Amino acid sequence: MERPKTSHLIAVKRILSDAPISWCSKKEPVVALSSCEAEYIAASLSTCQAIWLKNLIEEISQDKCETVTLKVDNVSAIN
């Protein structure tokens, strides 16, 4: 398998730049006792996916990503 060309990597970066690339709605196997706990669990699972995607992008492009930004819309889940 050949390495991706620079033009392909630039296109992938442009497409993925600041755009949501993974989302879904499904029943989770974990039961939360409050909406805050549910948001926290969802944020935790999303973080795992974000780190996996960051590692994938680093492997494809050979560029290092310093941070992963996770946006959560529930103040009590963040604090």
PDB file of N, CA and C in Angstrom:
ATOM      1  N   MET A   1       0.843  -1.178   0.000  1.00  0.00           N
ATOM      2  CA  MET A   1       0.000   0.000   0.000  1.00  0.00           C
ATOM      3  C   MET A   1       0.886   1.238   0.000  1.00  0.00           C
ATOM      4  N   GLU A   2       0.570   2.178  -0.853  1.00  0.00           N
ATOM      5  CA  GLU A   2       1.366   3.392  -0.961  1.00  0.00           C
ATOM      6  C   GLU A   2       0.965   4.408   0.099  1.00  0.00           C
ATOM      7  N   ARG A   3       1.905   5.289   0.418  1.00  0.00           N
ATOM      8  CA  ARG A   3       1.602   6.383   1.346  1.00  0.00           C
ATOM      9  C   ARG A   3       0.694   7.391   0.649  1.00  0.00           C
ATOM     10  N   PRO A   4      -0.225   8.009   1.406  1.00  0.00           N
ATOM     11  CA  PRO A   4      -1.086   9.019   0.794  1.00  0.00           C
ATOM     12  C   PRO A   4      -0.264  10.216   0.317  1.00  0.00           C
ATOM     13  N   LYS A   5      -0.691  10.796  -0.768  1.00  0.00           N
ATOM     14  CA  LYS A   5       0.005  11.955  -1.315  1.00  0.00           C
ATOM     15  C   LYS A   5      -0.328  13.193  -0.481  1.00  0.00           C
ATOM     16  N   THR A   6       0.544  14.179  -0.550  1.00  0.00           N
ATOM     17  CA  THR A   6       0.362  15.404   0.218  1.00  0.00           C
ATOM     18  C   THR A   6      -0.960  16.071  -0.101  1.00  0.00           C
ATOM     19  N   SER A   7      -1.363  16.086  -1.347  1.00  0.00           N
ATOM     20  CA  SER A   7      -2.631  16.728  -1.712  1.00  0.00           C
ATOM     21  C   SER A   7      -3.814  16.030  -1.047  1.00  0.00           C
ATOM     22  N   HIS A   8      -3.738  14.705  -0.904  1.00  0.00           N
ATOM     23  CA  HIS A   8      -4.806  13.978  -0.226  1.00  0.00           C
ATOM     24  C   HIS A   8      -4.849  14.328   1.257  1.00  0.00           C
ATOM     25  N   LEU A   9      -3.686  14.416   1.882  1.00  0.00           N
ATOM     26  CA  LEU A   9      -3.635  14.758   3.299  1.00  0.00           C
ATOM     27  C   LEU A   9      -4.155  16.167   3.543  1.00  0.00           C
ATOM     28  N   ILE A  10      -3.832  17.091   2.660  1.00  0.00           N
ATOM     29  CA  ILE A  10      -4.334  18.461   2.785  1.00  0.00           C
ATOM     30  C   ILE A  10      -5.852  18.473   2.663  1.00  0.00           C
ATOM     31  N   ALA A  11      -6.398  17.691   1.744  1.00  0.00           N
ATOM     32  CA  ALA A  11      -7.851  17.616   1.574  1.00  0.00           C
ATOM     33  C   ALA A  11      -8.515  17.035   2.813  1.00  0.00           C
ATOM     34  N   VAL A  12      -7.930  15.995   3.390  1.00  0.00           N
ATOM     35  CA  VAL A  12      -8.491  15.397   4.606  1.00  0.00           C
ATOM     36  C   VAL A  12      -8.475  16.399   5.746  1.00  0.00           C
ATOM     37  N   LYS A  13      -7.365  17.111   5.916  1.00  0.00           N
ATOM     38  CA  LYS A  13      -7.284  18.126   6.970  1.00  0.00           C
ATOM     39  C   LYS A  13      -8.327  19.214   6.762  1.00  0.00           C
ATOM     40  N   ARG A  14      -8.528  19.642   5.523  1.00  0.00           N
ATOM     41  CA  ARG A  14      -9.500  20.689   5.231  1.00  0.00           C
ATOM     42  C   ARG A  14     -10.914  20.208   5.555  1.00  0.00           C
ATOM     43  N   ILE A  15     -11.221  18.967   5.208  1.00  0.00           N
ATOM     44  CA  ILE A  15     -12.556  18.421   5.467  1.00  0.00           C
ATOM     45  C   ILE A  15     -12.801  18.271   6.961  1.00  0.00           C
ATOM     46  N   LEU A  16     -11.804  17.798   7.714  1.00  0.00           N
ATOM     47  CA  LEU A  16     -11.980  17.528   9.136  1.00  0.00           C
ATOM     48  C   LEU A  16     -11.770  18.746  10.018  1.00  0.00           C
ATOM     49  N   SER A  17     -11.289  19.828   9.482  1.00  0.00           N
ATOM     50  CA  SER A  17     -10.971  21.011  10.269  1.00  0.00           C
ATOM     51  C   SER A  17     -12.213  21.600  10.930  1.00  0.00           C
ATOM     52  N   ASP A  18     -12.227  21.586  12.262  1.00  0.00           N
ATOM     53  CA  ASP A  18     -13.290  22.190  13.076  1.00  0.00           C
ATOM     54  C   ASP A  18     -14.689  21.725  12.701  1.00  0.00           C
ATOM     55  N   ALA A  19     -14.840  20.508  12.267  1.00  0.00           N
ATOM     56  CA  ALA A  19     -16.155  19.989  11.905  1.00  0.00           C
ATOM     57  C   ALA A  19     -16.430  18.723  12.706  1.00  0.00           C
ATOM     58  N   PRO A  20     -17.680  18.550  13.127  1.00  0.00           N
ATOM     59  CA  PRO A  20     -17.997  17.290  13.801  1.00  0.00           C
ATOM     60  C   PRO A  20     -17.853  16.136  12.820  1.00  0.00           C
ATOM     61  N   ILE A  21     -17.154  15.094  13.215  1.00  0.00           N
ATOM     62  CA  ILE A  21     -16.930  13.988  12.294  1.00  0.00           C
ATOM     63  C   ILE A  21     -17.511  12.686  12.804  1.00  0.00           C
ATOM     64  N   SER A  22     -18.070  12.700  14.007  1.00  0.00           N
ATOM     65  CA  SER A  22     -18.653  11.478  14.536  1.00  0.00           C
ATOM     66  C   SER A  22     -19.782  11.842  15.488  1.00  0.00           C
ATOM     67  N   TRP A  23     -20.952  11.327  15.232  1.00  0.00           N
ATOM     68  CA  TRP A  23     -22.055  11.511  16.159  1.00  0.00           C
ATOM     69  C   TRP A  23     -23.055  10.397  15.934  1.00  0.00           C
ATOM     70  N   CYS A  24     -23.776  10.084  17.000  1.00  0.00           N
ATOM     71  CA  CYS A  24     -24.787   9.039  16.892  1.00  0.00           C
ATOM     72  C   CYS A  24     -25.735   9.136  18.075  1.00  0.00           C
ATOM     73  N   SER A  25     -26.838   8.466  17.966  1.00  0.00           N
ATOM     74  CA  SER A  25     -27.816   8.392  19.039  1.00  0.00           C
ATOM     75  C   SER A  25     -28.160   6.927  19.238  1.00  0.00           C
ATOM     76  N   LYS A  26     -27.953   6.445  20.444  1.00  0.00           N
ATOM     77  CA  LYS A  26     -28.259   5.042  20.729  1.00  0.00           C
ATOM     78  C   LYS A  26     -28.438   4.857  22.227  1.00  0.00           C
ATOM     79  N   LYS A  27     -29.023   3.748  22.606  1.00  0.00           N
ATOM     80  CA  LYS A  27     -29.159   3.430  24.019  1.00  0.00           C
ATOM     81  C   LYS A  27     -27.811   2.981  24.554  1.00  0.00           C
ATOM     82  N   GLU A  28     -27.436   3.533  25.690  1.00  0.00           N
ATOM     83  CA  GLU A  28     -26.166   3.179  26.302  1.00  0.00           C
ATOM     84  C   GLU A  28     -26.372   2.050  27.310  1.00  0.00           C
ATOM     85  N   PRO A  29     -25.377   1.194  27.459  1.00  0.00           N
ATOM     86  CA  PRO A  29     -25.503   0.091  28.409  1.00  0.00           C
ATOM     87  C   PRO A  29     -25.357   0.528  29.870  1.00  0.00           C
ATOM     88  N   VAL A  30     -25.017   1.797  30.110  1.00  0.00           N
ATOM     89  CA  VAL A  30     -24.818   2.311  31.462  1.00  0.00           C
ATOM     90  C   VAL A  30     -26.064   3.076  31.888  1.00  0.00           C
ATOM     91  N   VAL A  31     -26.495   2.871  33.133  1.00  0.00           N
ATOM     92  CA  VAL A  31     -27.662   3.572  33.658  1.00  0.00           C
ATOM     93  C   VAL A  31     -27.181   4.737  34.513  1.00  0.00           C
ATOM     94  N   ALA A  32     -27.641   5.937  34.195  1.00  0.00           N
ATOM     95  CA  ALA A  32     -27.284   7.128  34.961  1.00  0.00           C
ATOM     96  C   ALA A  32     -28.451   7.502  35.870  1.00  0.00           C
ATOM     97  N   LEU A  33     -28.134   7.985  37.070  1.00  0.00           N
ATOM     98  CA  LEU A  33     -29.169   8.354  38.034  1.00  0.00           C
ATOM     99  C   LEU A  33     -29.583   9.814  37.919  1.00  0.00           C
ATOM    100  N   SER A  34     -28.870  10.592  37.128  1.00  0.00           N
ATOM    101  CA  SER A  34     -29.229  11.997  36.933  1.00  0.00           C
ATOM    102  C   SER A  34     -28.827  12.424  35.529  1.00  0.00           C
ATOM    103  N   SER A  35     -29.395  13.535  35.094  1.00  0.00           N
ATOM    104  CA  SER A  35     -29.040  14.036  33.761  1.00  0.00           C
ATOM    105  C   SER A  35     -27.583  14.504  33.728  1.00  0.00           C
ATOM    106  N   CYS A  36     -27.103  15.031  34.851  1.00  0.00           N
ATOM    107  CA  CYS A  36     -25.698  15.451  34.931  1.00  0.00           C
ATOM    108  C   CYS A  36     -24.775  14.249  34.753  1.00  0.00           C
ATOM    109  N   GLU A  37     -25.101  13.153  35.423  1.00  0.00           N
ATOM    110  CA  GLU A  37     -24.290  11.942  35.300  1.00  0.00           C
ATOM    111  C   GLU A  37     -24.339  11.393  33.875  1.00  0.00           C
ATOM    112  N   ALA A  38     -25.509  11.472  33.244  1.00  0.00           N
ATOM    113  CA  ALA A  38     -25.645  11.010  31.859  1.00  0.00           C
ATOM    114  C   ALA A  38     -24.770  11.843  30.924  1.00  0.00           C
ATOM    115  N   GLU A  39     -24.763  13.164  31.125  1.00  0.00           N
ATOM    116  CA  GLU A  39     -23.912  14.038  30.308  1.00  0.00           C
ATOM    117  C   GLU A  39     -22.436  13.717  30.536  1.00  0.00           C
ATOM    118  N   TYR A  40     -22.072  13.452  31.790  1.00  0.00           N
ATOM    119  CA  TYR A  40     -20.679  13.137  32.110  1.00  0.00           C
ATOM    120  C   TYR A  40     -20.253  11.826  31.446  1.00  0.00           C
ATOM    121  N   ILE A  41     -21.123  10.823  31.485  1.00  0.00           N
ATOM    122  CA  ILE A  41     -20.824   9.537  30.843  1.00  0.00           C
ATOM    123  C   ILE A  41     -20.671   9.726  29.338  1.00  0.00           C
ATOM    124  N   ALA A  42     -21.581  10.490  28.740  1.00  0.00           N
ATOM    125  CA  ALA A  42     -21.505  10.741  27.295  1.00  0.00           C
ATOM    126  C   ALA A  42     -20.216  11.478  26.937  1.00  0.00           C
ATOM    127  N   ALA A  43     -19.828  12.453  27.764  1.00  0.00           N
ATOM    128  CA  ALA A  43     -18.585  13.190  27.512  1.00  0.00           C
ATOM    129  C   ALA A  43     -17.377  12.266  27.622  1.00  0.00           C
ATOM    130  N   SER A  44     -17.414  11.364  28.584  1.00  0.00           N
ATOM    131  CA  SER A  44     -16.315  10.415  28.756  1.00  0.00           C
ATOM    132  C   SER A  44     -16.177   9.491  27.547  1.00  0.00           C
ATOM    133  N   LEU A  45     -17.296   8.961  27.064  1.00  0.00           N
ATOM    134  CA  LEU A  45     -17.265   8.093  25.884  1.00  0.00           C
ATOM    135  C   LEU A  45     -16.829   8.867  24.643  1.00  0.00           C
ATOM    136  N   SER A  46     -17.276  10.118  24.540  1.00  0.00           N
ATOM    137  CA  SER A  46     -16.875  10.960  23.407  1.00  0.00           C
ATOM    138  C   SER A  46     -15.382  11.246  23.437  1.00  0.00           C
ATOM    139  N   THR A  47     -14.834  11.430  24.634  1.00  0.00           N
ATOM    140  CA  THR A  47     -13.400  11.664  24.769  1.00  0.00           C
ATOM    141  C   THR A  47     -12.601  10.470  24.259  1.00  0.00           C
ATOM    142  N   CYS A  48     -13.065   9.271  24.576  1.00  0.00           N
ATOM    143  CA  CYS A  48     -12.385   8.062  24.079  1.00  0.00           C
ATOM    144  C   CYS A  48     -12.386   8.033  22.553  1.00  0.00           C
ATOM    145  N   GLN A  49     -13.526   8.368  21.945  1.00  0.00           N
ATOM    146  CA  GLN A  49     -13.602   8.399  20.481  1.00  0.00           C
ATOM    147  C   GLN A  49     -12.705   9.488  19.904  1.00  0.00           C
ATOM    148  N   ALA A  50     -12.688  10.655  20.563  1.00  0.00           N
ATOM    149  CA  ALA A  50     -11.871  11.767  20.067  1.00  0.00           C
ATOM    150  C   ALA A  50     -10.386  11.421  20.105  1.00  0.00           C
ATOM    151  N   ILE A  51      -9.950  10.763  21.165  1.00  0.00           N
ATOM    152  CA  ILE A  51      -8.540  10.369  21.260  1.00  0.00           C
ATOM    153  C   ILE A  51      -8.205   9.342  20.186  1.00  0.00           C
ATOM    154  N   TRP A  52      -9.115   8.407  19.938  1.00  0.00           N
ATOM    155  CA  TRP A  52      -8.890   7.417  18.885  1.00  0.00           C
ATOM    156  C   TRP A  52      -8.772   8.104  17.523  1.00  0.00           C
ATOM    157  N   LEU A  53      -9.680   9.054  17.244  1.00  0.00           N
ATOM    158  CA  LEU A  53      -9.630   9.775  15.971  1.00  0.00           C
ATOM    159  C   LEU A  53      -8.361  10.612  15.854  1.00  0.00           C
ATOM    160  N   LYS A  54      -7.936  11.243  16.955  1.00  0.00           N
ATOM    161  CA  LYS A  54      -6.690  12.021  16.960  1.00  0.00           C
ATOM    162  C   LYS A  54      -5.507  11.127  16.602  1.00  0.00           C
ATOM    163  N   ASN A  55      -5.453   9.957  17.209  1.00  0.00           N
ATOM    164  CA  ASN A  55      -4.364   9.025  16.911  1.00  0.00           C
ATOM    165  C   ASN A  55      -4.415   8.552  15.460  1.00  0.00           C
ATOM    166  N   LEU A  56      -5.613   8.334  14.940  1.00  0.00           N
ATOM    167  CA  LEU A  56      -5.762   7.930  13.540  1.00  0.00           C
ATOM    168  C   LEU A  56      -5.252   9.019  12.601  1.00  0.00           C
ATOM    169  N   ILE A  57      -5.634  10.260  12.857  1.00  0.00           N
ATOM    170  CA  ILE A  57      -5.197  11.378  12.014  1.00  0.00           C
ATOM    171  C   ILE A  57      -3.684  11.543  12.097  1.00  0.00           C
ATOM    172  N   GLU A  58      -3.123  11.399  13.312  1.00  0.00           N
ATOM    173  CA  GLU A  58      -1.669  11.494  13.450  1.00  0.00           C
ATOM    174  C   GLU A  58      -0.967  10.389  12.669  1.00  0.00           C
ATOM    175  N   GLU A  59      -1.542   9.199  12.675  1.00  0.00           N
ATOM    176  CA  GLU A  59      -0.936   8.085  11.949  1.00  0.00           C
ATOM    177  C   GLU A  59      -1.013   8.292  10.440  1.00  0.00           C
ATOM    178  N   ILE A  60      -2.128   8.837   9.967  1.00  0.00           N
ATOM    179  CA  ILE A  60      -2.302   9.064   8.534  1.00  0.00           C
ATOM    180  C   ILE A  60      -1.408  10.194   8.045  1.00  0.00           C
ATOM    181  N   SER A  61      -1.389  11.300   8.785  1.00  0.00           N
ATOM    182  CA  SER A  61      -0.726  12.496   8.278  1.00  0.00           C
ATOM    183  C   SER A  61       0.690  12.701   8.805  1.00  0.00           C
ATOM    184  N   GLN A  62       1.096  11.956   9.813  1.00  0.00           N
ATOM    185  CA  GLN A  62       2.408  12.109  10.434  1.00  0.00           C
ATOM    186  C   GLN A  62       2.564  13.469  11.112  1.00  0.00           C
ATOM    187  N   ASP A  63       1.450  14.181  11.363  1.00  0.00           N
ATOM    188  CA  ASP A  63       1.474  15.444  12.101  1.00  0.00           C
ATOM    189  C   ASP A  63       0.992  15.183  13.521  1.00  0.00           C
ATOM    190  N   LYS A  64       1.534  15.922  14.476  1.00  0.00           N
ATOM    191  CA  LYS A  64       1.124  15.770  15.868  1.00  0.00           C
ATOM    192  C   LYS A  64      -0.008  16.744  16.185  1.00  0.00           C
ATOM    193  N   CYS A  65      -1.059  16.243  16.791  1.00  0.00           N
ATOM    194  CA  CYS A  65      -2.154  17.077  17.280  1.00  0.00           C
ATOM    195  C   CYS A  65      -1.901  17.322  18.761  1.00  0.00           C
ATOM    196  N   GLU A  66      -1.825  18.564  19.156  1.00  0.00           N
ATOM    197  CA  GLU A  66      -1.526  18.882  20.548  1.00  0.00           C
ATOM    198  C   GLU A  66      -2.728  18.661  21.463  1.00  0.00           C
ATOM    199  N   THR A  67      -3.907  19.101  21.025  1.00  0.00           N
ATOM    200  CA  THR A  67      -5.078  19.026  21.899  1.00  0.00           C
ATOM    201  C   THR A  67      -6.281  18.481  21.153  1.00  0.00           C
ATOM    202  N   VAL A  68      -7.235  18.015  21.938  1.00  0.00           N
ATOM    203  CA  VAL A  68      -8.538  17.611  21.426  1.00  0.00           C
ATOM    204  C   VAL A  68      -9.560  18.446  22.176  1.00  0.00           C
ATOM    205  N   THR A  69     -10.397  19.181  21.459  1.00  0.00           N
ATOM    206  CA  THR A  69     -11.405  20.020  22.085  1.00  0.00           C
ATOM    207  C   THR A  69     -12.727  19.283  22.115  1.00  0.00           C
ATOM    208  N   LEU A  70     -13.298  19.160  23.309  1.00  0.00           N
ATOM    209  CA  LEU A  70     -14.589  18.512  23.495  1.00  0.00           C
ATOM    210  C   LEU A  70     -15.560  19.565  24.002  1.00  0.00           C
ATOM    211  N   LYS A  71     -16.655  19.750  23.299  1.00  0.00           N
ATOM    212  CA  LYS A  71     -17.646  20.748  23.692  1.00  0.00           C
ATOM    213  C   LYS A  71     -18.852  20.041  24.300  1.00  0.00           C
ATOM    214  N   VAL A  72     -19.171  20.421  25.542  1.00  0.00           N
ATOM    215  CA  VAL A  72     -20.295  19.838  26.280  1.00  0.00           C
ATOM    216  C   VAL A  72     -21.259  20.964  26.606  1.00  0.00           C
ATOM    217  N   ASP A  73     -22.553  20.734  26.413  1.00  0.00           N
ATOM    218  CA  ASP A  73     -23.532  21.807  26.602  1.00  0.00           C
ATOM    219  C   ASP A  73     -24.243  21.752  27.955  1.00  0.00           C
ATOM    220  N   ASN A  74     -23.660  21.127  28.953  1.00  0.00           N
ATOM    221  CA  ASN A  74     -24.264  21.045  30.269  1.00  0.00           C
ATOM    222  C   ASN A  74     -23.254  21.551  31.289  1.00  0.00           C
ATOM    223  N   VAL A  75     -23.533  22.693  31.913  1.00  0.00           N
ATOM    224  CA  VAL A  75     -22.588  23.330  32.829  1.00  0.00           C
ATOM    225  C   VAL A  75     -22.290  22.438  34.031  1.00  0.00           C
ATOM    226  N   SER A  76     -23.298  21.783  34.594  1.00  0.00           N
ATOM    227  CA  SER A  76     -23.065  20.954  35.778  1.00  0.00           C
ATOM    228  C   SER A  76     -22.199  19.743  35.466  1.00  0.00           C
ATOM    229  N   ALA A  77     -22.204  19.276  34.241  1.00  0.00           N
ATOM    230  CA  ALA A  77     -21.358  18.137  33.869  1.00  0.00           C
ATOM    231  C   ALA A  77     -19.902  18.553  33.714  1.00  0.00           C
ATOM    232  N   ILE A  78     -19.648  19.823  33.425  1.00  0.00           N
ATOM    233  CA  ILE A  78     -18.284  20.307  33.235  1.00  0.00           C
ATOM    234  C   ILE A  78     -17.636  20.647  34.574  1.00  0.00           C
ATOM    235  N   ASN A  79     -18.403  21.220  35.496  1.00  0.00           N
ATOM    236  CA  ASN A  79     -17.853  21.686  36.789  1.00  0.00           C
ATOM    237  C   ASN A  79     -17.643  20.581  37.782  1.00  0.00           C
TER     238      ASN A  79
END
